[in-house]
Amino acid sequence: MKRVTGIGGIFFKAEHPEALLAWYEKHLGIQLATNMPGSVFESAGQTVWSVFPKDTKYFSPSTAPFMVNYRVENLLELVKVLREEGVEVLDTIEDPEYGKFAWVLDPEGNRIELWEPPV
């Protein structure tokens, strides 16, 4: 019998949920569903699940105990647009063999990882 077969959802708390939902919709294009305060992604892409040590600096400067990784189609273009929109883009873009990565902060200080899988 299979048990867990993938990630079913990502849920987190926010000081200002409506404003944060609007920010994600505007800057990351996450369209809100009509029947819930969130979004449903329909994709067959890879989802990574991982546990980090409590003292990891990988989520910094965020103090949240989580970080969400979003798959994107054109990371370089998206980062350019996000910078033009005033979104705080962190670090430099990394391009290891398993895809391109960039990081941004949402208005509540949560670090978001953007990932363009390799072709």
C-alpha atoms as a PDB file:
ATOM      1  CA  MET A   1       0.000   0.000   0.000  1.00  0.00           C
ATOM      2  CA  LYS A   2       1.327   3.444  -0.930  1.00  0.00           C
ATOM      3  CA  ARG A   3       1.180   5.997   1.827  1.00  0.00           C
ATOM      4  CA  VAL A   4       2.334   9.527   0.959  1.00  0.00           C
ATOM      5  CA  THR A   5       2.522  10.164  -2.790  1.00  0.00           C
ATOM      6  CA  GLY A   6       3.309  13.898  -2.911  1.00  0.00           C
ATOM      7  CA  ILE A   7       2.669  17.310  -1.434  1.00  0.00           C
ATOM      8  CA  GLY A   8      -1.040  18.062  -1.166  1.00  0.00           C
ATOM      9  CA  GLY A   9      -0.739  21.644  -0.023  1.00  0.00           C
ATOM     10  CA  ILE A  10       1.301  24.293   1.701  1.00  0.00           C
ATOM     11  CA  PHE A  11      -0.348  26.280   4.464  1.00  0.00           C
ATOM     12  CA  PHE A  12       1.060  29.068   6.607  1.00  0.00           C
ATOM     13  CA  LYS A  13      -0.078  31.886   8.867  1.00  0.00           C
ATOM     14  CA  ALA A  14       0.096  35.593   8.004  1.00  0.00           C
ATOM     15  CA  GLU A  15      -0.392  38.852   9.889  1.00  0.00           C
ATOM     16  CA  HIS A  16      -2.332  40.286   6.926  1.00  0.00           C
ATOM     17  CA  PRO A  17      -3.649  37.308   4.877  1.00  0.00           C
ATOM     18  CA  GLU A  18      -5.666  39.295   2.314  1.00  0.00           C
ATOM     19  CA  ALA A  19      -2.774  41.656   1.545  1.00  0.00           C
ATOM     20  CA  LEU A  20      -0.330  38.755   1.327  1.00  0.00           C
ATOM     21  CA  LEU A  21      -2.629  36.825  -1.030  1.00  0.00           C
ATOM     22  CA  ALA A  22      -2.865  39.938  -3.232  1.00  0.00           C
ATOM     23  CA  TRP A  23       0.958  40.280  -3.262  1.00  0.00           C
ATOM     24  CA  TYR A  24       1.410  36.645  -4.343  1.00  0.00           C
ATOM     25  CA  GLU A  25      -1.200  37.110  -7.067  1.00  0.00           C
ATOM     26  CA  LYS A  26       0.360  40.333  -8.384  1.00  0.00           C
ATOM     27  CA  HIS A  27       4.040  39.434  -8.250  1.00  0.00           C
ATOM     28  CA  LEU A  28       4.108  35.642  -8.630  1.00  0.00           C
ATOM     29  CA  GLY A  29       0.944  35.189 -10.689  1.00  0.00           C
ATOM     30  CA  ILE A  30      -0.692  32.790  -8.242  1.00  0.00           C
ATOM     31  CA  GLN A  31      -4.358  33.061  -9.173  1.00  0.00           C
ATOM     32  CA  LEU A  32      -6.776  32.667  -6.294  1.00  0.00           C
ATOM     33  CA  ALA A  33      -9.351  29.905  -6.522  1.00  0.00           C
ATOM     34  CA  THR A  34     -12.988  30.993  -6.420  1.00  0.00           C
ATOM     35  CA  ASN A  35     -13.931  28.564  -3.646  1.00  0.00           C
ATOM     36  CA  MET A  36     -11.021  29.011  -1.188  1.00  0.00           C
ATOM     37  CA  PRO A  37      -8.503  31.558   0.067  1.00  0.00           C
ATOM     38  CA  GLY A  38      -5.666  30.057  -1.941  1.00  0.00           C
ATOM     39  CA  SER A  39      -4.741  28.465  -5.226  1.00  0.00           C
ATOM     40  CA  VAL A  40      -4.665  25.023  -6.805  1.00  0.00           C
ATOM     41  CA  PHE A  41      -1.721  24.139  -9.056  1.00  0.00           C
ATOM     42  CA  GLU A  42      -2.280  21.529 -11.752  1.00  0.00           C
ATOM     43  CA  SER A  43       1.106  20.307 -12.893  1.00  0.00           C
ATOM     44  CA  ALA A  44       3.044  17.105 -13.326  1.00  0.00           C
ATOM     45  CA  GLY A  45       6.357  18.648 -12.294  1.00  0.00           C
ATOM     46  CA  GLN A  46       8.709  17.376  -9.632  1.00  0.00           C
ATOM     47  CA  THR A  47       8.099  18.307  -5.983  1.00  0.00           C
ATOM     48  CA  VAL A  48      10.965  18.117  -3.488  1.00  0.00           C
ATOM     49  CA  TRP A  49      10.334  17.469   0.186  1.00  0.00           C
ATOM     50  CA  SER A  50      13.193  18.039   2.630  1.00  0.00           C
ATOM     51  CA  VAL A  51      13.949  18.639   6.299  1.00  0.00           C
ATOM     52  CA  PHE A  52      16.682  21.104   7.292  1.00  0.00           C
ATOM     53  CA  PRO A  53      18.534  21.372  10.615  1.00  0.00           C
ATOM     54  CA  LYS A  54      16.968  23.828  13.088  1.00  0.00           C
ATOM     55  CA  ASP A  55      20.024  26.119  12.863  1.00  0.00           C
ATOM     56  CA  THR A  56      20.117  26.283   9.041  1.00  0.00           C
ATOM     57  CA  LYS A  57      20.875  29.675   7.527  1.00  0.00           C
ATOM     58  CA  TYR A  58      19.339  28.614   4.195  1.00  0.00           C
ATOM     59  CA  PHE A  59      16.000  30.325   4.979  1.00  0.00           C
ATOM     60  CA  SER A  60      17.712  33.579   6.090  1.00  0.00           C
ATOM     61  CA  PRO A  61      17.005  36.395   6.394  1.00  0.00           C
ATOM     62  CA  SER A  62      13.532  35.009   7.103  1.00  0.00           C
ATOM     63  CA  THR A  63      12.920  33.799  10.644  1.00  0.00           C
ATOM     64  CA  ALA A  64      10.048  31.548   9.518  1.00  0.00           C
ATOM     65  CA  PRO A  65      10.589  27.820  10.080  1.00  0.00           C
ATOM     66  CA  PHE A  66       9.657  27.099   6.448  1.00  0.00           C
ATOM     67  CA  MET A  67      10.455  28.156   2.899  1.00  0.00           C
ATOM     68  CA  VAL A  68       8.328  27.497  -0.178  1.00  0.00           C
ATOM     69  CA  ASN A  69       9.958  26.649  -3.503  1.00  0.00           C
ATOM     70  CA  TYR A  70       7.930  27.595  -6.592  1.00  0.00           C
ATOM     71  CA  ARG A  71       8.632  26.201 -10.069  1.00  0.00           C
ATOM     72  CA  VAL A  72       8.835  28.933 -12.712  1.00  0.00           C
ATOM     73  CA  GLU A  73       9.233  28.898 -16.495  1.00  0.00           C
ATOM     74  CA  ASN A  74      11.669  31.759 -17.167  1.00  0.00           C
ATOM     75  CA  LEU A  75      13.566  32.662 -14.022  1.00  0.00           C
ATOM     76  CA  LEU A  76      15.755  35.390 -15.511  1.00  0.00           C
ATOM     77  CA  GLU A  77      12.790  37.277 -16.988  1.00  0.00           C
ATOM     78  CA  LEU A  78      10.722  36.847 -13.817  1.00  0.00           C
ATOM     79  CA  VAL A  79      13.520  38.205 -11.597  1.00  0.00           C
ATOM     80  CA  LYS A  80      13.869  41.216 -13.897  1.00  0.00           C
ATOM     81  CA  VAL A  81      10.133  41.946 -13.659  1.00  0.00           C
ATOM     82  CA  LEU A  82      10.059  41.419  -9.894  1.00  0.00           C
ATOM     83  CA  ARG A  83      12.918  43.899  -9.424  1.00  0.00           C
ATOM     84  CA  GLU A  84      11.050  46.439 -11.602  1.00  0.00           C
ATOM     85  CA  GLU A  85       7.972  45.928  -9.387  1.00  0.00           C
ATOM     86  CA  GLY A  86      10.028  46.668  -6.275  1.00  0.00           C
ATOM     87  CA  VAL A  87      10.128  43.117  -4.911  1.00  0.00           C
ATOM     88  CA  GLU A  88      13.175  42.409  -2.744  1.00  0.00           C
ATOM     89  CA  VAL A  89      15.308  39.928  -4.694  1.00  0.00           C
ATOM     90  CA  LEU A  90      17.989  38.225  -2.575  1.00  0.00           C
ATOM     91  CA  ASP A  91      21.382  36.789  -3.373  1.00  0.00           C
ATOM     92  CA  THR A  92      22.517  36.026  -6.866  1.00  0.00           C
ATOM     93  CA  ILE A  93      20.941  33.635  -9.312  1.00  0.00           C
ATOM     94  CA  GLU A  94      22.436  30.164  -9.031  1.00  0.00           C
ATOM     95  CA  ASP A  95      22.611  27.766 -11.970  1.00  0.00           C
ATOM     96  CA  PRO A  96      23.672  24.269 -10.842  1.00  0.00           C
ATOM     97  CA  GLU A  97      22.985  21.192 -12.973  1.00  0.00           C
ATOM     98  CA  TYR A  98      19.517  20.729 -11.418  1.00  0.00           C
ATOM     99  CA  GLY A  99      18.118  24.117 -12.486  1.00  0.00           C
ATOM    100  CA  LYS A 100      18.277  27.853 -11.895  1.00  0.00           C
ATOM    101  CA  PHE A 101      17.449  29.360  -8.488  1.00  0.00           C
ATOM    102  CA  ALA A 102      16.660  32.831  -7.142  1.00  0.00           C
ATOM    103  CA  TRP A 103      15.184  34.034  -3.853  1.00  0.00           C
ATOM    104  CA  VAL A 104      12.813  36.849  -2.917  1.00  0.00           C
ATOM    105  CA  LEU A 105      11.121  38.059   0.254  1.00  0.00           C
ATOM    106  CA  ASP A 106       7.376  38.525   0.507  1.00  0.00           C
ATOM    107  CA  PRO A 107       5.984  41.532   2.443  1.00  0.00           C
ATOM    108  CA  GLU A 108       5.977  39.550   5.713  1.00  0.00           C
ATOM    109  CA  GLY A 109       9.652  38.601   5.379  1.00  0.00           C
ATOM    110  CA  ASN A 110       9.198  35.003   4.211  1.00  0.00           C
ATOM    111  CA  ARG A 111      12.009  33.795   1.958  1.00  0.00           C
ATOM    112  CA  ILE A 112      10.671  32.319  -1.291  1.00  0.00           C
ATOM    113  CA  GLU A 113      12.766  30.117  -3.537  1.00  0.00           C
ATOM    114  CA  LEU A 114      12.086  30.354  -7.284  1.00  0.00           C
ATOM    115  CA  TRP A 115      13.259  27.372  -9.340  1.00  0.00           C
ATOM    116  CA  GLU A 116      13.453  26.889 -13.091  1.00  0.00           C
ATOM    117  CA  PRO A 117      14.005  23.150 -13.643  1.00  0.00           C
ATOM    118  CA  PRO A 118      16.576  22.156 -16.290  1.00  0.00           C
ATOM    119  CA  VAL A 119      15.229  21.461 -19.743  1.00  0.00           C
END
